[in-house]
Amino acid sequence: MTQDKHDTNSKELENLIEAAIKKVGGRKENDICRYLPIGSGGYIHHFTMRKMKTEDPKKLASMIKQHILNASKPTTVPPKPRAARGSRKRRDQFLFTKDDIERMLNMARLAGDKEMIRKLTPRKDLKQIKRELIASIRHNQIDHELWNCYVETVTTAETVSSHQQK
């Protein structure tokens, strides 16, 4: 008996939705969402409306009747104000290309600014540094920066492992 009552309620709701779609000149169920206001401001989201069809069909039916069917001319609800896209972007950061960073790295090398060289040199893992060091030795090349990078990486790794053991 309750199943029959539920079926009639859902059929009534479907009929209300169809009538509302026709009244607003829409083609699908989601088209009526813009005419149904929600308490937090703006109009109801189509997921919320779909959820209401099963969880609170009486409230959805009354909203459709009040805002669409019983209204002489249904009006769209203005959307909920949202933060502008990119509003959280920091405007004081510089965007550097790879070429820009290479140029700054060369300027730091010419000036002998080891701190800046360290900051601008891309971080490499220990395996990669070892490979590059061995390759430079095979080619009889001396790369002080690569050696310093190796020493710094090994020292940092030892420091981290000794702190973890404590």
N, C-alpha and C. Protein backbone atom coordinates (compact mmCIF):
# COMPACT_ATOMS: atom_id res chain seq x y z
N MET A 1 0.82 -1.20 0.00
CA MET A 1 0.00 0.00 0.00
C MET A 1 0.87 1.26 0.00
N THR A 2 1.91 1.27 0.82
CA THR A 2 2.78 2.45 0.86
C THR A 2 3.56 2.60 -0.44
N GLN A 3 3.88 1.47 -1.10
CA GLN A 3 4.59 1.53 -2.37
C GLN A 3 3.73 2.23 -3.43
N ASP A 4 2.42 1.91 -3.46
CA ASP A 4 1.52 2.56 -4.41
C ASP A 4 1.45 4.06 -4.16
N LYS A 5 1.41 4.45 -2.87
CA LYS A 5 1.35 5.87 -2.52
C LYS A 5 2.65 6.57 -2.96
N HIS A 6 3.78 5.86 -2.77
CA HIS A 6 5.06 6.42 -3.17
C HIS A 6 5.12 6.59 -4.69
N ASP A 7 4.61 5.60 -5.42
CA ASP A 7 4.60 5.67 -6.89
C ASP A 7 3.75 6.84 -7.39
N THR A 8 2.59 7.04 -6.75
CA THR A 8 1.75 8.16 -7.18
C THR A 8 2.41 9.49 -6.88
N ASN A 9 3.08 9.58 -5.73
CA ASN A 9 3.80 10.82 -5.39
C ASN A 9 4.92 11.08 -6.39
N SER A 10 5.67 10.05 -6.75
CA SER A 10 6.77 10.25 -7.70
C SER A 10 6.22 10.58 -9.08
N LYS A 11 5.08 9.99 -9.45
CA LYS A 11 4.47 10.32 -10.74
C LYS A 11 3.94 11.75 -10.75
N GLU A 12 3.36 12.17 -9.62
CA GLU A 12 2.90 13.56 -9.50
C GLU A 12 4.07 14.52 -9.63
N LEU A 13 5.16 14.18 -8.96
CA LEU A 13 6.36 15.03 -9.01
C LEU A 13 6.90 15.09 -10.45
N GLU A 14 6.94 13.94 -11.12
CA GLU A 14 7.40 13.93 -12.51
C GLU A 14 6.50 14.80 -13.40
N ASN A 15 5.19 14.74 -13.15
CA ASN A 15 4.25 15.57 -13.91
C ASN A 15 4.51 17.06 -13.64
N LEU A 16 4.75 17.39 -12.36
CA LEU A 16 5.05 18.79 -12.01
C LEU A 16 6.33 19.25 -12.71
N ILE A 17 7.34 18.39 -12.71
CA ILE A 17 8.60 18.73 -13.34
C ILE A 17 8.40 18.95 -14.85
N GLU A 18 7.65 18.05 -15.48
CA GLU A 18 7.38 18.19 -16.92
C GLU A 18 6.65 19.50 -17.23
N ALA A 19 5.65 19.82 -16.38
CA ALA A 19 4.89 21.06 -16.58
C ALA A 19 5.81 22.28 -16.40
N ALA A 20 6.70 22.21 -15.41
CA ALA A 20 7.63 23.31 -15.15
C ALA A 20 8.60 23.48 -16.32
N ILE A 21 9.08 22.38 -16.88
CA ILE A 21 10.00 22.45 -18.02
C ILE A 21 9.31 23.14 -19.19
N LYS A 22 8.06 22.76 -19.43
CA LYS A 22 7.31 23.37 -20.53
C LYS A 22 7.10 24.86 -20.29
N LYS A 23 6.79 25.22 -19.03
CA LYS A 23 6.49 26.62 -18.72
C LYS A 23 7.71 27.52 -18.91
N VAL A 24 8.89 27.01 -18.54
CA VAL A 24 10.10 27.84 -18.68
C VAL A 24 10.71 27.71 -20.07
N GLY A 25 10.17 26.82 -20.88
CA GLY A 25 10.68 26.65 -22.24
C GLY A 25 11.97 25.86 -22.28
N GLY A 26 12.14 24.97 -21.33
CA GLY A 26 13.36 24.15 -21.29
C GLY A 26 13.19 22.85 -22.05
N ARG A 27 14.26 22.11 -22.11
CA ARG A 27 14.22 20.82 -22.80
C ARG A 27 14.47 19.66 -21.85
N LYS A 28 15.15 19.94 -20.73
CA LYS A 28 15.46 18.86 -19.80
C LYS A 28 15.25 19.32 -18.36
N GLU A 29 15.29 18.35 -17.46
CA GLU A 29 15.00 18.59 -16.05
C GLU A 29 15.91 19.66 -15.43
N ASN A 30 17.18 19.65 -15.81
CA ASN A 30 18.15 20.60 -15.23
C ASN A 30 17.82 22.05 -15.57
N ASP A 31 17.02 22.28 -16.62
CA ASP A 31 16.70 23.65 -17.03
C ASP A 31 15.84 24.40 -16.02
N ILE A 32 15.15 23.67 -15.14
CA ILE A 32 14.30 24.38 -14.16
C ILE A 32 15.07 24.77 -12.90
N CYS A 33 16.29 24.26 -12.75
CA CYS A 33 17.09 24.56 -11.54
C CYS A 33 17.30 26.06 -11.36
N ARG A 34 17.51 26.78 -12.46
CA ARG A 34 17.81 28.22 -12.38
C ARG A 34 16.63 29.04 -11.87
N TYR A 35 15.47 28.43 -11.77
CA TYR A 35 14.28 29.14 -11.31
C TYR A 35 13.95 28.83 -9.85
N LEU A 36 14.73 27.91 -9.23
CA LEU A 36 14.46 27.49 -7.86
C LEU A 36 15.53 28.01 -6.92
N PRO A 37 15.19 28.99 -6.07
CA PRO A 37 16.20 29.53 -5.15
C PRO A 37 16.51 28.55 -4.02
N ILE A 38 17.69 28.69 -3.49
CA ILE A 38 18.11 27.86 -2.35
C ILE A 38 18.47 28.79 -1.20
N GLY A 39 18.39 28.31 0.00
CA GLY A 39 18.57 29.13 1.20
C GLY A 39 19.92 29.81 1.31
N SER A 40 20.98 29.18 0.80
CA SER A 40 22.31 29.77 0.96
C SER A 40 22.63 30.80 -0.12
N GLY A 41 21.66 31.12 -0.94
CA GLY A 41 21.87 32.11 -2.00
C GLY A 41 22.09 31.42 -3.33
N GLY A 42 21.58 32.03 -4.37
CA GLY A 42 21.72 31.44 -5.69
C GLY A 42 20.61 30.42 -5.96
N TYR A 43 20.76 29.68 -7.03
CA TYR A 43 19.75 28.69 -7.38
C TYR A 43 20.22 27.28 -7.03
N ILE A 44 19.26 26.36 -7.04
CA ILE A 44 19.53 24.98 -6.63
C ILE A 44 20.41 24.28 -7.67
N HIS A 45 21.33 23.51 -7.19
CA HIS A 45 22.21 22.74 -8.07
C HIS A 45 21.45 21.52 -8.58
N HIS A 46 21.74 21.10 -9.80
CA HIS A 46 20.98 19.97 -10.36
C HIS A 46 21.18 18.68 -9.58
N PHE A 47 22.34 18.49 -8.95
CA PHE A 47 22.54 17.31 -8.11
C PHE A 47 21.64 17.37 -6.88
N THR A 48 21.52 18.57 -6.30
CA THR A 48 20.67 18.75 -5.12
C THR A 48 19.21 18.48 -5.48
N MET A 49 18.79 18.97 -6.64
CA MET A 49 17.42 18.74 -7.06
C MET A 49 17.15 17.25 -7.28
N ARG A 50 18.10 16.57 -7.90
CA ARG A 50 17.94 15.13 -8.12
C ARG A 50 17.87 14.38 -6.80
N LYS A 51 18.65 14.83 -5.81
CA LYS A 51 18.64 14.21 -4.49
C LYS A 51 17.30 14.46 -3.79
N MET A 52 16.78 15.69 -3.96
CA MET A 52 15.50 16.04 -3.34
C MET A 52 14.35 15.21 -3.91
N LYS A 53 14.45 14.78 -5.16
CA LYS A 53 13.40 13.97 -5.77
C LYS A 53 13.14 12.70 -4.97
N THR A 54 14.19 12.15 -4.38
CA THR A 54 14.02 10.92 -3.60
C THR A 54 13.94 11.18 -2.10
N GLU A 55 14.68 12.16 -1.59
CA GLU A 55 14.74 12.37 -0.15
C GLU A 55 13.68 13.33 0.39
N ASP A 56 13.31 14.33 -0.40
CA ASP A 56 12.32 15.30 0.07
C ASP A 56 11.44 15.76 -1.11
N PRO A 57 10.66 14.81 -1.66
CA PRO A 57 9.88 15.16 -2.85
C PRO A 57 8.80 16.21 -2.58
N LYS A 58 8.26 16.24 -1.35
CA LYS A 58 7.22 17.23 -1.03
C LYS A 58 7.77 18.65 -1.11
N LYS A 59 8.95 18.85 -0.55
CA LYS A 59 9.56 20.17 -0.57
C LYS A 59 9.89 20.60 -2.00
N LEU A 60 10.41 19.66 -2.80
CA LEU A 60 10.72 19.96 -4.19
C LEU A 60 9.45 20.32 -4.96
N ALA A 61 8.38 19.57 -4.71
CA ALA A 61 7.11 19.85 -5.39
C ALA A 61 6.59 21.24 -5.01
N SER A 62 6.69 21.58 -3.72
CA SER A 62 6.20 22.89 -3.30
C SER A 62 7.06 24.01 -3.89
N MET A 63 8.38 23.79 -4.00
CA MET A 63 9.26 24.80 -4.60
C MET A 63 8.90 25.01 -6.08
N ILE A 64 8.66 23.91 -6.79
CA ILE A 64 8.31 24.00 -8.21
C ILE A 64 6.99 24.74 -8.38
N LYS A 65 6.03 24.39 -7.53
CA LYS A 65 4.72 25.06 -7.61
C LYS A 65 4.86 26.55 -7.33
N GLN A 66 5.56 26.88 -6.24
CA GLN A 66 5.67 28.27 -5.80
C GLN A 66 6.44 29.14 -6.80
N HIS A 67 7.59 28.67 -7.26
CA HIS A 67 8.49 29.52 -8.04
C HIS A 67 8.31 29.42 -9.55
N ILE A 68 7.65 28.35 -10.01
CA ILE A 68 7.50 28.21 -11.46
C ILE A 68 6.03 28.14 -11.88
N LEU A 69 5.33 27.14 -11.37
CA LEU A 69 3.97 26.90 -11.86
C LEU A 69 2.96 27.96 -11.42
N ASN A 70 3.02 28.40 -10.15
CA ASN A 70 2.06 29.39 -9.65
C ASN A 70 2.50 30.83 -9.94
N ALA A 71 3.73 31.00 -10.38
CA ALA A 71 4.21 32.35 -10.72
C ALA A 71 3.69 32.71 -12.10
N SER A 72 3.22 33.96 -12.25
CA SER A 72 2.71 34.38 -13.56
C SER A 72 3.82 34.36 -14.61
N LYS A 73 4.99 34.84 -14.22
CA LYS A 73 6.13 34.78 -15.13
C LYS A 73 7.36 34.37 -14.30
N PRO A 74 7.76 33.10 -14.38
CA PRO A 74 8.90 32.65 -13.58
C PRO A 74 10.16 33.43 -13.93
N THR A 75 10.90 33.81 -12.90
CA THR A 75 12.14 34.55 -13.13
C THR A 75 13.33 33.71 -12.68
N THR A 76 14.43 33.86 -13.39
CA THR A 76 15.64 33.12 -13.01
C THR A 76 16.26 33.75 -11.77
N VAL A 77 16.83 32.91 -10.95
CA VAL A 77 17.48 33.36 -9.71
C VAL A 77 18.92 33.71 -10.08
N PRO A 78 19.42 34.87 -9.63
CA PRO A 78 20.83 35.19 -9.92
C PRO A 78 21.75 34.16 -9.26
N PRO A 79 22.82 33.77 -9.93
CA PRO A 79 23.70 32.75 -9.35
C PRO A 79 24.38 33.24 -8.09
N LYS A 80 24.77 32.29 -7.28
CA LYS A 80 25.46 32.59 -6.02
C LYS A 80 26.80 33.26 -6.36
N PRO A 81 27.09 34.39 -5.70
CA PRO A 81 28.37 35.05 -6.00
C PRO A 81 29.54 34.16 -5.59
N ARG A 82 30.50 34.08 -6.44
CA ARG A 82 31.68 33.25 -6.19
C ARG A 82 32.93 34.11 -6.27
N ALA A 83 33.99 33.59 -5.70
CA ALA A 83 35.27 34.30 -5.77
C ALA A 83 35.73 34.31 -7.23
N ALA A 84 36.32 35.40 -7.64
CA ALA A 84 36.81 35.51 -9.00
C ALA A 84 37.90 34.49 -9.25
N ARG A 85 37.93 33.97 -10.46
CA ARG A 85 38.99 33.01 -10.78
C ARG A 85 40.33 33.72 -10.72
N GLY A 86 41.27 33.06 -10.10
CA GLY A 86 42.60 33.64 -9.99
C GLY A 86 42.72 34.67 -8.88
N SER A 87 41.70 34.77 -8.03
CA SER A 87 41.74 35.78 -6.98
C SER A 87 42.80 35.47 -5.93
N ARG A 88 43.19 34.21 -5.84
CA ARG A 88 44.18 33.84 -4.84
C ARG A 88 45.60 33.84 -5.41
N LYS A 89 45.73 34.16 -6.68
CA LYS A 89 47.06 34.16 -7.29
C LYS A 89 47.89 35.30 -6.72
N ARG A 90 49.13 34.98 -6.47
CA ARG A 90 50.04 36.02 -5.97
C ARG A 90 50.54 36.81 -7.16
N ARG A 91 50.43 38.09 -7.07
CA ARG A 91 50.80 38.94 -8.19
C ARG A 91 52.27 39.40 -8.12
N ASP A 92 52.92 39.14 -6.98
CA ASP A 92 54.30 39.62 -6.81
C ASP A 92 55.34 38.56 -7.19
N GLN A 93 54.91 37.43 -7.73
CA GLN A 93 55.86 36.40 -8.11
C GLN A 93 56.27 36.58 -9.58
N PHE A 94 57.53 36.32 -9.83
CA PHE A 94 58.04 36.42 -11.19
C PHE A 94 57.97 35.06 -11.86
N LEU A 95 57.67 35.05 -13.14
CA LEU A 95 57.66 33.81 -13.90
C LEU A 95 58.89 33.78 -14.78
N PHE A 96 59.76 32.81 -14.53
CA PHE A 96 60.99 32.69 -15.28
C PHE A 96 60.94 31.47 -16.19
N THR A 97 61.42 31.64 -17.41
CA THR A 97 61.55 30.51 -18.31
C THR A 97 62.84 29.77 -17.96
N LYS A 98 63.00 28.60 -18.55
CA LYS A 98 64.22 27.84 -18.32
C LYS A 98 65.44 28.62 -18.81
N ASP A 99 65.28 29.31 -19.94
CA ASP A 99 66.39 30.12 -20.48
C ASP A 99 66.74 31.26 -19.53
N ASP A 100 65.72 31.89 -18.92
CA ASP A 100 65.97 32.98 -17.96
C ASP A 100 66.79 32.47 -16.78
N ILE A 101 66.45 31.31 -16.28
CA ILE A 101 67.16 30.74 -15.13
C ILE A 101 68.59 30.40 -15.51
N GLU A 102 68.78 29.86 -16.72
CA GLU A 102 70.14 29.57 -17.20
C GLU A 102 70.98 30.83 -17.28
N ARG A 103 70.38 31.92 -17.79
CA ARG A 103 71.11 33.19 -17.89
C ARG A 103 71.48 33.70 -16.51
N MET A 104 70.54 33.63 -15.55
CA MET A 104 70.84 34.09 -14.18
C MET A 104 71.92 33.21 -13.54
N LEU A 105 71.87 31.91 -13.83
CA LEU A 105 72.88 30.99 -13.30
C LEU A 105 74.26 31.34 -13.85
N ASN A 106 74.33 31.66 -15.14
CA ASN A 106 75.61 32.06 -15.73
C ASN A 106 76.12 33.37 -15.12
N MET A 107 75.19 34.33 -14.90
CA MET A 107 75.60 35.59 -14.26
C MET A 107 76.11 35.34 -12.85
N ALA A 108 75.47 34.43 -12.12
CA ALA A 108 75.91 34.11 -10.76
C ALA A 108 77.28 33.44 -10.79
N ARG A 109 77.52 32.59 -11.79
CA ARG A 109 78.83 31.94 -11.93
C ARG A 109 79.91 32.99 -12.22
N LEU A 110 79.61 33.92 -13.13
CA LEU A 110 80.59 34.97 -13.47
C LEU A 110 80.88 35.85 -12.26
N ALA A 111 79.86 36.09 -11.43
CA ALA A 111 80.05 36.92 -10.24
C ALA A 111 80.64 36.13 -9.08
N GLY A 112 80.66 34.82 -9.20
CA GLY A 112 81.20 33.98 -8.13
C GLY A 112 80.26 33.89 -6.93
N ASP A 113 78.98 34.08 -7.14
CA ASP A 113 77.98 34.06 -6.07
C ASP A 113 77.52 32.61 -5.82
N LYS A 114 78.22 31.92 -4.90
CA LYS A 114 77.95 30.50 -4.65
C LYS A 114 76.55 30.25 -4.12
N GLU A 115 76.06 31.15 -3.28
CA GLU A 115 74.71 31.00 -2.71
C GLU A 115 73.65 31.05 -3.80
N MET A 116 73.82 32.00 -4.72
CA MET A 116 72.85 32.12 -5.81
C MET A 116 72.96 30.92 -6.75
N ILE A 117 74.17 30.46 -6.99
CA ILE A 117 74.37 29.27 -7.84
C ILE A 117 73.64 28.08 -7.23
N ARG A 118 73.78 27.93 -5.92
CA ARG A 118 73.13 26.81 -5.22
C ARG A 118 71.61 26.89 -5.35
N LYS A 119 71.08 28.11 -5.23
CA LYS A 119 69.63 28.29 -5.32
C LYS A 119 69.09 28.05 -6.73
N LEU A 120 69.87 28.44 -7.74
CA LEU A 120 69.39 28.33 -9.11
C LEU A 120 69.68 26.98 -9.76
N THR A 121 70.58 26.21 -9.18
CA THR A 121 70.91 24.90 -9.74
C THR A 121 69.79 23.92 -9.40
N PRO A 122 69.29 23.22 -10.42
CA PRO A 122 68.21 22.27 -10.16
C PRO A 122 68.67 21.16 -9.22
N ARG A 123 67.79 20.74 -8.34
CA ARG A 123 68.09 19.68 -7.38
C ARG A 123 68.16 18.35 -8.12
N LYS A 124 69.19 17.57 -7.81
CA LYS A 124 69.36 16.26 -8.43
C LYS A 124 69.45 15.23 -7.31
N ASP A 125 69.05 14.01 -7.64
CA ASP A 125 69.20 12.96 -6.63
C ASP A 125 70.63 12.43 -6.68
N LEU A 126 71.00 11.68 -5.66
CA LEU A 126 72.38 11.24 -5.50
C LEU A 126 72.84 10.35 -6.66
N LYS A 127 71.97 9.48 -7.15
CA LYS A 127 72.34 8.60 -8.28
C LYS A 127 72.70 9.42 -9.51
N GLN A 128 71.90 10.43 -9.79
CA GLN A 128 72.13 11.27 -10.96
C GLN A 128 73.46 12.03 -10.81
N ILE A 129 73.72 12.55 -9.61
CA ILE A 129 74.97 13.29 -9.37
C ILE A 129 76.17 12.35 -9.56
N LYS A 130 76.07 11.12 -9.01
CA LYS A 130 77.17 10.16 -9.16
C LYS A 130 77.43 9.85 -10.63
N ARG A 131 76.33 9.63 -11.40
CA ARG A 131 76.48 9.34 -12.83
C ARG A 131 77.20 10.47 -13.56
N GLU A 132 76.79 11.70 -13.25
CA GLU A 132 77.40 12.86 -13.90
C GLU A 132 78.86 13.02 -13.49
N LEU A 133 79.17 12.77 -12.22
CA LEU A 133 80.56 12.85 -11.76
C LEU A 133 81.43 11.81 -12.45
N ILE A 134 80.96 10.58 -12.54
CA ILE A 134 81.72 9.52 -13.20
C ILE A 134 81.92 9.85 -14.68
N ALA A 135 80.87 10.38 -15.32
CA ALA A 135 80.99 10.77 -16.74
C ALA A 135 82.01 11.89 -16.90
N SER A 136 82.01 12.86 -15.99
CA SER A 136 82.98 13.96 -16.09
C SER A 136 84.40 13.46 -15.88
N ILE A 137 84.59 12.47 -14.99
CA ILE A 137 85.93 11.90 -14.76
C ILE A 137 86.39 11.15 -16.01
N ARG A 138 85.49 10.40 -16.63
CA ARG A 138 85.85 9.66 -17.86
C ARG A 138 86.26 10.61 -18.99
N HIS A 139 85.66 11.79 -19.00
CA HIS A 139 85.97 12.77 -20.05
C HIS A 139 87.09 13.72 -19.64
N ASN A 140 87.73 13.41 -18.52
CA ASN A 140 88.83 14.24 -18.00
C ASN A 140 88.41 15.69 -17.80
N GLN A 141 87.22 15.87 -17.26
CA GLN A 141 86.72 17.22 -16.99
C GLN A 141 86.58 17.40 -15.48
N ILE A 142 86.86 18.63 -15.05
CA ILE A 142 86.71 18.96 -13.64
C ILE A 142 85.51 19.89 -13.51
N ASP A 143 84.54 19.47 -12.67
CA ASP A 143 83.34 20.30 -12.45
C ASP A 143 83.21 20.50 -10.94
N HIS A 144 83.73 21.63 -10.47
CA HIS A 144 83.73 21.91 -9.03
C HIS A 144 82.31 22.00 -8.49
N GLU A 145 81.41 22.60 -9.27
CA GLU A 145 80.02 22.76 -8.80
C GLU A 145 79.36 21.40 -8.60
N LEU A 146 79.62 20.47 -9.53
CA LEU A 146 79.05 19.14 -9.41
C LEU A 146 79.61 18.42 -8.19
N TRP A 147 80.91 18.57 -7.95
CA TRP A 147 81.52 17.96 -6.77
C TRP A 147 80.93 18.56 -5.50
N ASN A 148 80.78 19.89 -5.47
CA ASN A 148 80.19 20.54 -4.30
C ASN A 148 78.75 20.07 -4.08
N CYS A 149 78.03 19.89 -5.17
CA CYS A 149 76.66 19.41 -5.08
C CYS A 149 76.65 17.99 -4.49
N TYR A 150 77.61 17.14 -4.92
CA TYR A 150 77.72 15.78 -4.39
C TYR A 150 78.00 15.82 -2.89
N VAL A 151 78.96 16.64 -2.50
CA VAL A 151 79.33 16.74 -1.08
C VAL A 151 78.13 17.22 -0.26
N GLU A 152 77.45 18.24 -0.75
CA GLU A 152 76.29 18.78 -0.03
C GLU A 152 75.17 17.74 0.10
N THR A 153 74.92 17.00 -0.97
CA THR A 153 73.85 15.99 -0.95
C THR A 153 74.19 14.87 0.01
N VAL A 154 75.43 14.39 -0.01
CA VAL A 154 75.84 13.31 0.90
C VAL A 154 75.78 13.79 2.34
N THR A 155 76.26 15.00 2.59
CA THR A 155 76.24 15.55 3.95
C THR A 155 74.81 15.69 4.47
N THR A 156 73.94 16.19 3.61
CA THR A 156 72.54 16.35 3.98
C THR A 156 71.90 15.00 4.26
N ALA A 157 72.20 14.00 3.43
CA ALA A 157 71.64 12.66 3.62
C ALA A 157 72.12 12.05 4.94
N GLU A 158 73.41 12.25 5.26
CA GLU A 158 73.95 11.73 6.52
C GLU A 158 73.31 12.42 7.71
N THR A 159 73.11 13.73 7.62
CA THR A 159 72.49 14.48 8.70
C THR A 159 71.06 14.02 8.95
N VAL A 160 70.33 13.81 7.86
CA VAL A 160 68.94 13.39 7.97
C VAL A 160 68.86 11.99 8.59
N SER A 161 69.73 11.07 8.13
CA SER A 161 69.68 9.71 8.66
C SER A 161 70.10 9.66 10.13
N SER A 162 71.07 10.51 10.55
CA SER A 162 71.47 10.52 11.96
C SER A 162 70.36 11.09 12.85
N HIS A 163 69.57 12.05 12.34
CA HIS A 163 68.46 12.58 13.11
C HIS A 163 67.33 11.56 13.22
N GLN A 164 67.16 10.75 12.21
CA GLN A 164 66.10 9.75 12.24
C GLN A 164 66.42 8.63 13.20
N GLN A 165 67.71 8.34 13.38
CA GLN A 165 68.11 7.27 14.29
C GLN A 165 67.96 7.67 15.74
N LYS A 166 67.98 8.95 16.03
CA LYS A 166 67.88 9.42 17.42
C LYS A 166 66.52 9.31 17.92
